[in-house]
Amino acid sequence: MAEIVYEGGLRRLRIAGTCTARESAAVREAVEHYGRSAPRLTVDLTGVATIASEVASALVSSVDDVEAAGCRVTILRKRESHVDRALRELHR
């Protein structure tokens, strides 16, 4: 189960743990909620061990939506991690 925490002072949405397909809606809702209420948002995935493809897709889609509405989003992840590979697969 993933932990999703918003750190308002940093405008950072921190997601940690294992992101299974069940977390897709929660990740989407969090990105859309916090991304629409601020000019910028950092999504910190450095604490995510594994991410389901459904969550990665929901994340990318919701980031696209809030960026289209004017929010600048930065996604942090560990290089060459499972998360990094999952996100790169979506951009092929």
PDB file of N, CA and C in Angstrom:
ATOM      1  N   MET A   1       0.838  -1.180   0.000  1.00  0.00           N
ATOM      2  CA  MET A   1       0.000   0.000   0.000  1.00  0.00           C
ATOM      3  C   MET A   1       0.888   1.250   0.000  1.00  0.00           C
ATOM      4  N   ALA A   2       0.483   2.205  -0.771  1.00  0.00           N
ATOM      5  CA  ALA A   2       1.255   3.439  -0.896  1.00  0.00           C
ATOM      6  C   ALA A   2       0.817   4.473   0.137  1.00  0.00           C
ATOM      7  N   GLU A   3       1.757   5.292   0.521  1.00  0.00           N
ATOM      8  CA  GLU A   3       1.485   6.434   1.390  1.00  0.00           C
ATOM      9  C   GLU A   3       1.552   7.680   0.516  1.00  0.00           C
ATOM     10  N   ILE A   4       0.519   8.508   0.582  1.00  0.00           N
ATOM     11  CA  ILE A   4       0.457   9.735  -0.208  1.00  0.00           C
ATOM     12  C   ILE A   4       0.311  10.896   0.753  1.00  0.00           C
ATOM     13  N   VAL A   5       1.307  11.779   0.765  1.00  0.00           N
ATOM     14  CA  VAL A   5       1.329  12.897   1.708  1.00  0.00           C
ATOM     15  C   VAL A   5       1.656  14.178   0.953  1.00  0.00           C
ATOM     16  N   TYR A   6       0.886  15.239   1.223  1.00  0.00           N
ATOM     17  CA  TYR A   6       1.171  16.533   0.615  1.00  0.00           C
ATOM     18  C   TYR A   6       1.869  17.406   1.640  1.00  0.00           C
ATOM     19  N   GLU A   7       3.018  17.956   1.266  1.00  0.00           N
ATOM     20  CA  GLU A   7       3.784  18.862   2.115  1.00  0.00           C
ATOM     21  C   GLU A   7       3.612  20.258   1.540  1.00  0.00           C
ATOM     22  N   GLY A   8       2.651  20.993   2.089  1.00  0.00           N
ATOM     23  CA  GLY A   8       2.236  22.275   1.531  1.00  0.00           C
ATOM     24  C   GLY A   8       3.323  23.320   1.432  1.00  0.00           C
ATOM     25  N   GLY A   9       4.164  23.421   2.438  1.00  0.00           N
ATOM     26  CA  GLY A   9       5.215  24.436   2.420  1.00  0.00           C
ATOM     27  C   GLY A   9       6.195  24.238   1.272  1.00  0.00           C
ATOM     28  N   LEU A  10       6.362  23.000   0.860  1.00  0.00           N
ATOM     29  CA  LEU A  10       7.274  22.675  -0.235  1.00  0.00           C
ATOM     30  C   LEU A  10       6.543  22.462  -1.558  1.00  0.00           C
ATOM     31  N   ARG A  11       5.217  22.479  -1.498  1.00  0.00           N
ATOM     32  CA  ARG A  11       4.388  22.151  -2.674  1.00  0.00           C
ATOM     33  C   ARG A  11       4.815  20.808  -3.252  1.00  0.00           C
ATOM     34  N   ARG A  12       5.005  19.849  -2.339  1.00  0.00           N
ATOM     35  CA  ARG A  12       5.488  18.530  -2.733  1.00  0.00           C
ATOM     36  C   ARG A  12       4.478  17.456  -2.355  1.00  0.00           C
ATOM     37  N   LEU A  13       4.171  16.619  -3.331  1.00  0.00           N
ATOM     38  CA  LEU A  13       3.332  15.448  -3.116  1.00  0.00           C
ATOM     39  C   LEU A  13       4.284  14.267  -3.027  1.00  0.00           C
ATOM     40  N   ARG A  14       4.393  13.712  -1.830  1.00  0.00           N
ATOM     41  CA  ARG A  14       5.329  12.613  -1.595  1.00  0.00           C
ATOM     42  C   ARG A  14       4.562  11.303  -1.598  1.00  0.00           C
ATOM     43  N   ILE A  15       4.986  10.398  -2.463  1.00  0.00           N
ATOM     44  CA  ILE A  15       4.363   9.080  -2.561  1.00  0.00           C
ATOM     45  C   ILE A  15       5.432   8.062  -2.216  1.00  0.00           C
ATOM     46  N   ALA A  16       5.109   7.121  -1.344  1.00  0.00           N
ATOM     47  CA  ALA A  16       6.094   6.136  -0.898  1.00  0.00           C
ATOM     48  C   ALA A  16       5.438   4.768  -0.761  1.00  0.00           C
ATOM     49  N   GLY A  17       6.267   3.731  -0.788  1.00  0.00           N
ATOM     50  CA  GLY A  17       5.768   2.373  -0.623  1.00  0.00           C
ATOM     51  C   GLY A  17       5.587   1.678  -1.961  1.00  0.00           C
ATOM     52  N   THR A  18       4.685   0.730  -1.974  1.00  0.00           N
ATOM     53  CA  THR A  18       4.372  -0.027  -3.173  1.00  0.00           C
ATOM     54  C   THR A  18       3.080   0.494  -3.768  1.00  0.00           C
ATOM     55  N   CYS A  19       3.126   0.904  -5.016  1.00  0.00           N
ATOM     56  CA  CYS A  19       1.948   1.449  -5.694  1.00  0.00           C
ATOM     57  C   CYS A  19       1.312   0.370  -6.561  1.00  0.00           C
ATOM     58  N   THR A  20       0.260  -0.240  -6.046  1.00  0.00           N
ATOM     59  CA  THR A  20      -0.466  -1.255  -6.810  1.00  0.00           C
ATOM     60  C   THR A  20      -1.550  -0.573  -7.631  1.00  0.00           C
ATOM     61  N   ALA A  21      -2.168  -1.327  -8.499  1.00  0.00           N
ATOM     62  CA  ALA A  21      -3.230  -0.783  -9.359  1.00  0.00           C
ATOM     63  C   ALA A  21      -4.334  -0.123  -8.537  1.00  0.00           C
ATOM     64  N   ARG A  22      -4.549  -0.587  -7.320  1.00  0.00           N
ATOM     65  CA  ARG A  22      -5.597  -0.007  -6.456  1.00  0.00           C
ATOM     66  C   ARG A  22      -5.334   1.453  -6.110  1.00  0.00           C
ATOM     67  N   GLU A  23      -4.080   1.885  -6.170  1.00  0.00           N
ATOM     68  CA  GLU A  23      -3.736   3.269  -5.843  1.00  0.00           C
ATOM     69  C   GLU A  23      -3.904   4.236  -7.010  1.00  0.00           C
ATOM     70  N   SER A  24      -4.245   3.751  -8.173  1.00  0.00           N
ATOM     71  CA  SER A  24      -4.359   4.609  -9.361  1.00  0.00           C
ATOM     72  C   SER A  24      -5.260   5.811  -9.138  1.00  0.00           C
ATOM     73  N   ALA A  25      -6.449   5.587  -8.632  1.00  0.00           N
ATOM     74  CA  ALA A  25      -7.404   6.679  -8.432  1.00  0.00           C
ATOM     75  C   ALA A  25      -6.905   7.664  -7.382  1.00  0.00           C
ATOM     76  N   ALA A  26      -6.311   7.167  -6.308  1.00  0.00           N
ATOM     77  CA  ALA A  26      -5.820   8.047  -5.246  1.00  0.00           C
ATOM     78  C   ALA A  26      -4.678   8.931  -5.747  1.00  0.00           C
ATOM     79  N   VAL A  27      -3.795   8.363  -6.555  1.00  0.00           N
ATOM     80  CA  VAL A  27      -2.683   9.149  -7.112  1.00  0.00           C
ATOM     81  C   VAL A  27      -3.231  10.212  -8.057  1.00  0.00           C
ATOM     82  N   ARG A  28      -4.149   9.811  -8.930  1.00  0.00           N
ATOM     83  CA  ARG A  28      -4.754  10.764  -9.864  1.00  0.00           C
ATOM     84  C   ARG A  28      -5.446  11.903  -9.110  1.00  0.00           C
ATOM     85  N   GLU A  29      -6.250  11.566  -8.122  1.00  0.00           N
ATOM     86  CA  GLU A  29      -6.980  12.588  -7.359  1.00  0.00           C
ATOM     87  C   GLU A  29      -6.030  13.536  -6.643  1.00  0.00           C
ATOM     88  N   ALA A  30      -4.965  13.007  -6.058  1.00  0.00           N
ATOM     89  CA  ALA A  30      -4.013  13.854  -5.329  1.00  0.00           C
ATOM     90  C   ALA A  30      -3.304  14.814  -6.279  1.00  0.00           C
ATOM     91  N   VAL A  31      -2.827  14.316  -7.413  1.00  0.00           N
ATOM     92  CA  VAL A  31      -2.138  15.183  -8.371  1.00  0.00           C
ATOM     93  C   VAL A  31      -3.089  16.255  -8.884  1.00  0.00           C
ATOM     94  N   GLU A  32      -4.299  15.868  -9.236  1.00  0.00           N
ATOM     95  CA  GLU A  32      -5.248  16.848  -9.757  1.00  0.00           C
ATOM     96  C   GLU A  32      -5.645  17.874  -8.698  1.00  0.00           C
ATOM     97  N   HIS A  33      -5.876  17.423  -7.479  1.00  0.00           N
ATOM     98  CA  HIS A  33      -6.273  18.346  -6.404  1.00  0.00           C
ATOM     99  C   HIS A  33      -5.172  19.364  -6.103  1.00  0.00           C
ATOM    100  N   TYR A  34      -3.977  18.876  -5.835  1.00  0.00           N
ATOM    101  CA  TYR A  34      -2.892  19.779  -5.453  1.00  0.00           C
ATOM    102  C   TYR A  34      -2.309  20.522  -6.649  1.00  0.00           C
ATOM    103  N   GLY A  35      -2.334  19.921  -7.819  1.00  0.00           N
ATOM    104  CA  GLY A  35      -1.830  20.585  -9.006  1.00  0.00           C
ATOM    105  C   GLY A  35      -2.712  21.725  -9.479  1.00  0.00           C
ATOM    106  N   ARG A  36      -3.990  21.628  -9.237  1.00  0.00           N
ATOM    107  CA  ARG A  36      -4.911  22.696  -9.666  1.00  0.00           C
ATOM    108  C   ARG A  36      -4.952  23.855  -8.682  1.00  0.00           C
ATOM    109  N   SER A  37      -4.383  23.645  -7.487  1.00  0.00           N
ATOM    110  CA  SER A  37      -4.433  24.704  -6.476  1.00  0.00           C
ATOM    111  C   SER A  37      -3.096  25.428  -6.297  1.00  0.00           C
ATOM    112  N   ALA A  38      -2.122  25.149  -7.174  1.00  0.00           N
ATOM    113  CA  ALA A  38      -0.810  25.781  -7.024  1.00  0.00           C
ATOM    114  C   ALA A  38      -0.176  25.989  -8.401  1.00  0.00           C
ATOM    115  N   PRO A  39       0.721  26.972  -8.503  1.00  0.00           N
ATOM    116  CA  PRO A  39       1.381  27.208  -9.784  1.00  0.00           C
ATOM    117  C   PRO A  39       2.454  26.162 -10.111  1.00  0.00           C
ATOM    118  N   ARG A  40       2.909  25.455  -9.077  1.00  0.00           N
ATOM    119  CA  ARG A  40       3.886  24.394  -9.314  1.00  0.00           C
ATOM    120  C   ARG A  40       3.696  23.283  -8.283  1.00  0.00           C
ATOM    121  N   LEU A  41       4.129  22.095  -8.681  1.00  0.00           N
ATOM    122  CA  LEU A  41       3.984  20.924  -7.823  1.00  0.00           C
ATOM    123  C   LEU A  41       5.152  19.988  -8.094  1.00  0.00           C
ATOM    124  N   THR A  42       5.727  19.449  -7.025  1.00  0.00           N
ATOM    125  CA  THR A  42       6.745  18.413  -7.150  1.00  0.00           C
ATOM    126  C   THR A  42       6.126  17.104  -6.707  1.00  0.00           C
ATOM    127  N   VAL A  43       6.217  16.092  -7.544  1.00  0.00           N
ATOM    128  CA  VAL A  43       5.753  14.756  -7.192  1.00  0.00           C
ATOM    129  C   VAL A  43       7.003  13.936  -6.900  1.00  0.00           C
ATOM    130  N   ASP A  44       7.177  13.568  -5.641  1.00  0.00           N
ATOM    131  CA  ASP A  44       8.372  12.865  -5.182  1.00  0.00           C
ATOM    132  C   ASP A  44       8.083  11.368  -5.108  1.00  0.00           C
ATOM    133  N   LEU A  45       8.678  10.625  -6.021  1.00  0.00           N
ATOM    134  CA  LEU A  45       8.493   9.176  -6.077  1.00  0.00           C
ATOM    135  C   LEU A  45       9.733   8.425  -5.597  1.00  0.00           C
ATOM    136  N   THR A  46      10.669   9.130  -4.954  1.00  0.00           N
ATOM    137  CA  THR A  46      11.917   8.488  -4.549  1.00  0.00           C
ATOM    138  C   THR A  46      11.708   7.405  -3.495  1.00  0.00           C
ATOM    139  N   GLY A  47      10.577   7.430  -2.808  1.00  0.00           N
ATOM    140  CA  GLY A  47      10.283   6.418  -1.800  1.00  0.00           C
ATOM    141  C   GLY A  47       9.418   5.281  -2.312  1.00  0.00           C
ATOM    142  N   VAL A  48       9.155   5.253  -3.611  1.00  0.00           N
ATOM    143  CA  VAL A  48       8.321   4.194  -4.194  1.00  0.00           C
ATOM    144  C   VAL A  48       9.222   3.036  -4.613  1.00  0.00           C
ATOM    145  N   ALA A  49       8.909   1.851  -4.092  1.00  0.00           N
ATOM    146  CA  ALA A  49       9.700   0.662  -4.423  1.00  0.00           C
ATOM    147  C   ALA A  49       9.285   0.088  -5.777  1.00  0.00           C
ATOM    148  N   THR A  50       7.995  -0.081  -5.972  1.00  0.00           N
ATOM    149  CA  THR A  50       7.471  -0.579  -7.243  1.00  0.00           C
ATOM    150  C   THR A  50       6.195   0.177  -7.576  1.00  0.00           C
ATOM    151  N   ILE A  51       5.918   0.259  -8.877  1.00  0.00           N
ATOM    152  CA  ILE A  51       4.735   0.989  -9.331  1.00  0.00           C
ATOM    153  C   ILE A  51       4.051   0.180 -10.425  1.00  0.00           C
ATOM    154  N   ALA A  52       2.761  -0.022 -10.264  1.00  0.00           N
ATOM    155  CA  ALA A  52       1.986  -0.730 -11.284  1.00  0.00           C
ATOM    156  C   ALA A  52       1.853   0.153 -12.516  1.00  0.00           C
ATOM    157  N   SER A  53       1.759  -0.467 -13.668  1.00  0.00           N
ATOM    158  CA  SER A  53       1.639   0.305 -14.908  1.00  0.00           C
ATOM    159  C   SER A  53       0.395   1.183 -14.888  1.00  0.00           C
ATOM    160  N   GLU A  54      -0.669   0.738 -14.227  1.00  0.00           N
ATOM    161  CA  GLU A  54      -1.897   1.536 -14.119  1.00  0.00           C
ATOM    162  C   GLU A  54      -1.652   2.828 -13.343  1.00  0.00           C
ATOM    163  N   VAL A  55      -0.828   2.754 -12.307  1.00  0.00           N
ATOM    164  CA  VAL A  55      -0.509   3.943 -11.512  1.00  0.00           C
ATOM    165  C   VAL A  55       0.384   4.887 -12.316  1.00  0.00           C
ATOM    166  N   ALA A  56       1.360   4.333 -13.002  1.00  0.00           N
ATOM    167  CA  ALA A  56       2.232   5.162 -13.833  1.00  0.00           C
ATOM    168  C   ALA A  56       1.406   5.890 -14.898  1.00  0.00           C
ATOM    169  N   SER A  57       0.478   5.194 -15.527  1.00  0.00           N
ATOM    170  CA  SER A  57      -0.384   5.814 -16.544  1.00  0.00           C
ATOM    171  C   SER A  57      -1.267   6.901 -15.941  1.00  0.00           C
ATOM    172  N   ALA A  58      -1.843   6.617 -14.776  1.00  0.00           N
ATOM    173  CA  ALA A  58      -2.691   7.604 -14.101  1.00  0.00           C
ATOM    174  C   ALA A  58      -1.880   8.832 -13.711  1.00  0.00           C
ATOM    175  N   LEU A  59      -0.663   8.617 -13.255  1.00  0.00           N
ATOM    176  CA  LEU A  59       0.211   9.726 -12.876  1.00  0.00           C
ATOM    177  C   LEU A  59       0.517  10.606 -14.083  1.00  0.00           C
ATOM    178  N   VAL A  60       0.960  10.006 -15.163  1.00  0.00           N
ATOM    179  CA  VAL A  60       1.316  10.772 -16.360  1.00  0.00           C
ATOM    180  C   VAL A  60       0.107  11.513 -16.917  1.00  0.00           C
ATOM    181  N   SER A  61      -1.024  10.859 -16.947  1.00  0.00           N
ATOM    182  CA  SER A  61      -2.246  11.491 -17.458  1.00  0.00           C
ATOM    183  C   SER A  61      -2.677  12.678 -16.597  1.00  0.00           C
ATOM    184  N   SER A  62      -2.634  12.505 -15.285  1.00  0.00           N
ATOM    185  CA  SER A  62      -3.050  13.598 -14.402  1.00  0.00           C
ATOM    186  C   SER A  62      -2.042  14.743 -14.432  1.00  0.00           C
ATOM    187  N   VAL A  63      -0.762  14.448 -14.566  1.00  0.00           N
ATOM    188  CA  VAL A  63       0.247  15.502 -14.699  1.00  0.00           C
ATOM    189  C   VAL A  63      -0.006  16.283 -15.987  1.00  0.00           C
ATOM    190  N   ASP A  64      -0.288  15.575 -17.075  1.00  0.00           N
ATOM    191  CA  ASP A  64      -0.610  16.256 -18.335  1.00  0.00           C
ATOM    192  C   ASP A  64      -1.800  17.197 -18.168  1.00  0.00           C
ATOM    193  N   ASP A  65      -2.821  16.736 -17.435  1.00  0.00           N
ATOM    194  CA  ASP A  65      -4.024  17.549 -17.225  1.00  0.00           C
ATOM    195  C   ASP A  65      -3.731  18.821 -16.440  1.00  0.00           C
ATOM    196  N   VAL A  66      -2.978  18.700 -15.339  1.00  0.00           N
ATOM    197  CA  VAL A  66      -2.724  19.897 -14.526  1.00  0.00           C
ATOM    198  C   VAL A  66      -1.731  20.833 -15.206  1.00  0.00           C
ATOM    199  N   GLU A  67      -0.817  20.278 -15.986  1.00  0.00           N
ATOM    200  CA  GLU A  67       0.091  21.151 -16.734  1.00  0.00           C
ATOM    201  C   GLU A  67      -0.672  21.927 -17.800  1.00  0.00           C
ATOM    202  N   ALA A  68      -1.650  21.300 -18.415  1.00  0.00           N
ATOM    203  CA  ALA A  68      -2.478  21.998 -19.406  1.00  0.00           C
ATOM    204  C   ALA A  68      -3.265  23.136 -18.756  1.00  0.00           C
ATOM    205  N   ALA A  69      -3.544  22.993 -17.451  1.00  0.00           N
ATOM    206  CA  ALA A  69      -4.274  24.027 -16.710  1.00  0.00           C
ATOM    207  C   ALA A  69      -3.340  25.090 -16.134  1.00  0.00           C
ATOM    208  N   GLY A  70      -2.009  24.939 -16.364  1.00  0.00           N
ATOM    209  CA  GLY A  70      -1.080  25.984 -15.950  1.00  0.00           C
ATOM    210  C   GLY A  70      -0.148  25.659 -14.801  1.00  0.00           C
ATOM    211  N   CYS A  71      -0.206  24.466 -14.261  1.00  0.00           N
ATOM    212  CA  CYS A  71       0.687  24.093 -13.161  1.00  0.00           C
ATOM    213  C   CYS A  71       1.958  23.461 -13.729  1.00  0.00           C
ATOM    214  N   ARG A  72       3.098  23.888 -13.222  1.00  0.00           N
ATOM    215  CA  ARG A  72       4.374  23.291 -13.628  1.00  0.00           C
ATOM    216  C   ARG A  72       4.685  22.132 -12.680  1.00  0.00           C
ATOM    217  N   VAL A  73       4.867  20.939 -13.225  1.00  0.00           N
ATOM    218  CA  VAL A  73       5.064  19.738 -12.405  1.00  0.00           C
ATOM    219  C   VAL A  73       6.457  19.161 -12.644  1.00  0.00           C
ATOM    220  N   THR A  74       7.106  18.815 -11.540  1.00  0.00           N
ATOM    221  CA  THR A  74       8.391  18.126 -11.573  1.00  0.00           C
ATOM    222  C   THR A  74       8.203  16.765 -10.922  1.00  0.00           C
ATOM    223  N   ILE A  75       8.661  15.721 -11.584  1.00  0.00           N
ATOM    224  CA  ILE A  75       8.572  14.374 -11.023  1.00  0.00           C
ATOM    225  C   ILE A  75       9.975  13.933 -10.625  1.00  0.00           C
ATOM    226  N   LEU A  76      10.152  13.611  -9.350  1.00  0.00           N
ATOM    227  CA  LEU A  76      11.425  13.105  -8.836  1.00  0.00           C
ATOM    228  C   LEU A  76      11.343  11.591  -8.683  1.00  0.00           C
ATOM    229  N   ARG A  77      12.375  10.901  -9.156  1.00  0.00           N
ATOM    230  CA  ARG A  77      12.447   9.457  -8.978  1.00  0.00           C
ATOM    231  C   ARG A  77      13.910   9.048  -9.020  1.00  0.00           C
ATOM    232  N   LYS A  78      14.194   7.890  -8.470  1.00  0.00           N
ATOM    233  CA  LYS A  78      15.562   7.391  -8.481  1.00  0.00           C
ATOM    234  C   LYS A  78      15.909   6.902  -9.884  1.00  0.00           C
ATOM    235  N   ARG A  79      17.063   7.304 -10.345  1.00  0.00           N
ATOM    236  CA  ARG A  79      17.524   6.908 -11.676  1.00  0.00           C
ATOM    237  C   ARG A  79      17.692   5.394 -11.764  1.00  0.00           C
ATOM    238  N   GLU A  80      17.234   4.837 -12.885  1.00  0.00           N
ATOM    239  CA  GLU A  80      17.335   3.405 -13.169  1.00  0.00           C
ATOM    240  C   GLU A  80      16.553   2.532 -12.184  1.00  0.00           C
ATOM    241  N   SER A  81      15.616   3.114 -11.467  1.00  0.00           N
ATOM    242  CA  SER A  81      14.769   2.352 -10.548  1.00  0.00           C
ATOM    243  C   SER A  81      13.597   1.744 -11.319  1.00  0.00           C
ATOM    244  N   HIS A  82      12.838   0.918 -10.644  1.00  0.00           N
ATOM    245  CA  HIS A  82      11.626   0.343 -11.237  1.00  0.00           C
ATOM    246  C   HIS A  82      10.681   1.456 -11.683  1.00  0.00           C
ATOM    247  N   VAL A  83      10.557   2.481 -10.866  1.00  0.00           N
ATOM    248  CA  VAL A  83       9.685   3.620 -11.187  1.00  0.00           C
ATOM    249  C   VAL A  83      10.190   4.344 -12.427  1.00  0.00           C
ATOM    250  N   ASP A  84      11.476   4.596 -12.490  1.00  0.00           N
ATOM    251  CA  ASP A  84      12.074   5.271 -13.640  1.00  0.00           C
ATOM    252  C   ASP A  84      11.813   4.478 -14.922  1.00  0.00           C
ATOM    253  N   ARG A  85      12.012   3.173 -14.867  1.00  0.00           N
ATOM    254  CA  ARG A  85      11.782   2.334 -16.048  1.00  0.00           C
ATOM    255  C   ARG A  85      10.304   2.331 -16.449  1.00  0.00           C
ATOM    256  N   ALA A  86       9.409   2.275 -15.475  1.00  0.00           N
ATOM    257  CA  ALA A  86       7.970   2.279 -15.781  1.00  0.00           C
ATOM    258  C   ALA A  86       7.550   3.580 -16.455  1.00  0.00           C
ATOM    259  N   LEU A  87       8.066   4.706 -15.974  1.00  0.00           N
ATOM    260  CA  LEU A  87       7.724   5.987 -16.581  1.00  0.00           C
ATOM    261  C   LEU A  87       8.343   6.141 -17.968  1.00  0.00           C
ATOM    262  N   ARG A  88       9.545   5.639 -18.135  1.00  0.00           N
ATOM    263  CA  ARG A  88      10.192   5.706 -19.453  1.00  0.00           C
ATOM    264  C   ARG A  88       9.437   4.864 -20.474  1.00  0.00           C
ATOM    265  N   GLU A  89       8.896   3.743 -20.051  1.00  0.00           N
ATOM    266  CA  GLU A  89       8.131   2.877 -20.955  1.00  0.00           C
ATOM    267  C   GLU A  89       6.930   3.613 -21.539  1.00  0.00           C
ATOM    268  N   LEU A  90       6.349   4.506 -20.777  1.00  0.00           N
ATOM    269  CA  LEU A  90       5.180   5.258 -21.248  1.00  0.00           C
ATOM    270  C   LEU A  90       5.542   6.274 -22.312  1.00  0.00           C
ATOM    271  N   HIS A  91       6.807   6.644 -22.384  1.00  0.00           N
ATOM    272  CA  HIS A  91       7.234   7.653 -23.340  1.00  0.00           C
ATOM    273  C   HIS A  91       7.896   7.069 -24.586  1.00  0.00           C
ATOM    274  N   ARG A  92       7.802   5.783 -24.770  1.00  0.00           N
ATOM    275  CA  ARG A  92       8.392   5.140 -25.958  1.00  0.00           C
ATOM    276  C   ARG A  92       7.471   5.266 -27.127  1.00  0.00           C
TER     277      ARG A  92
END
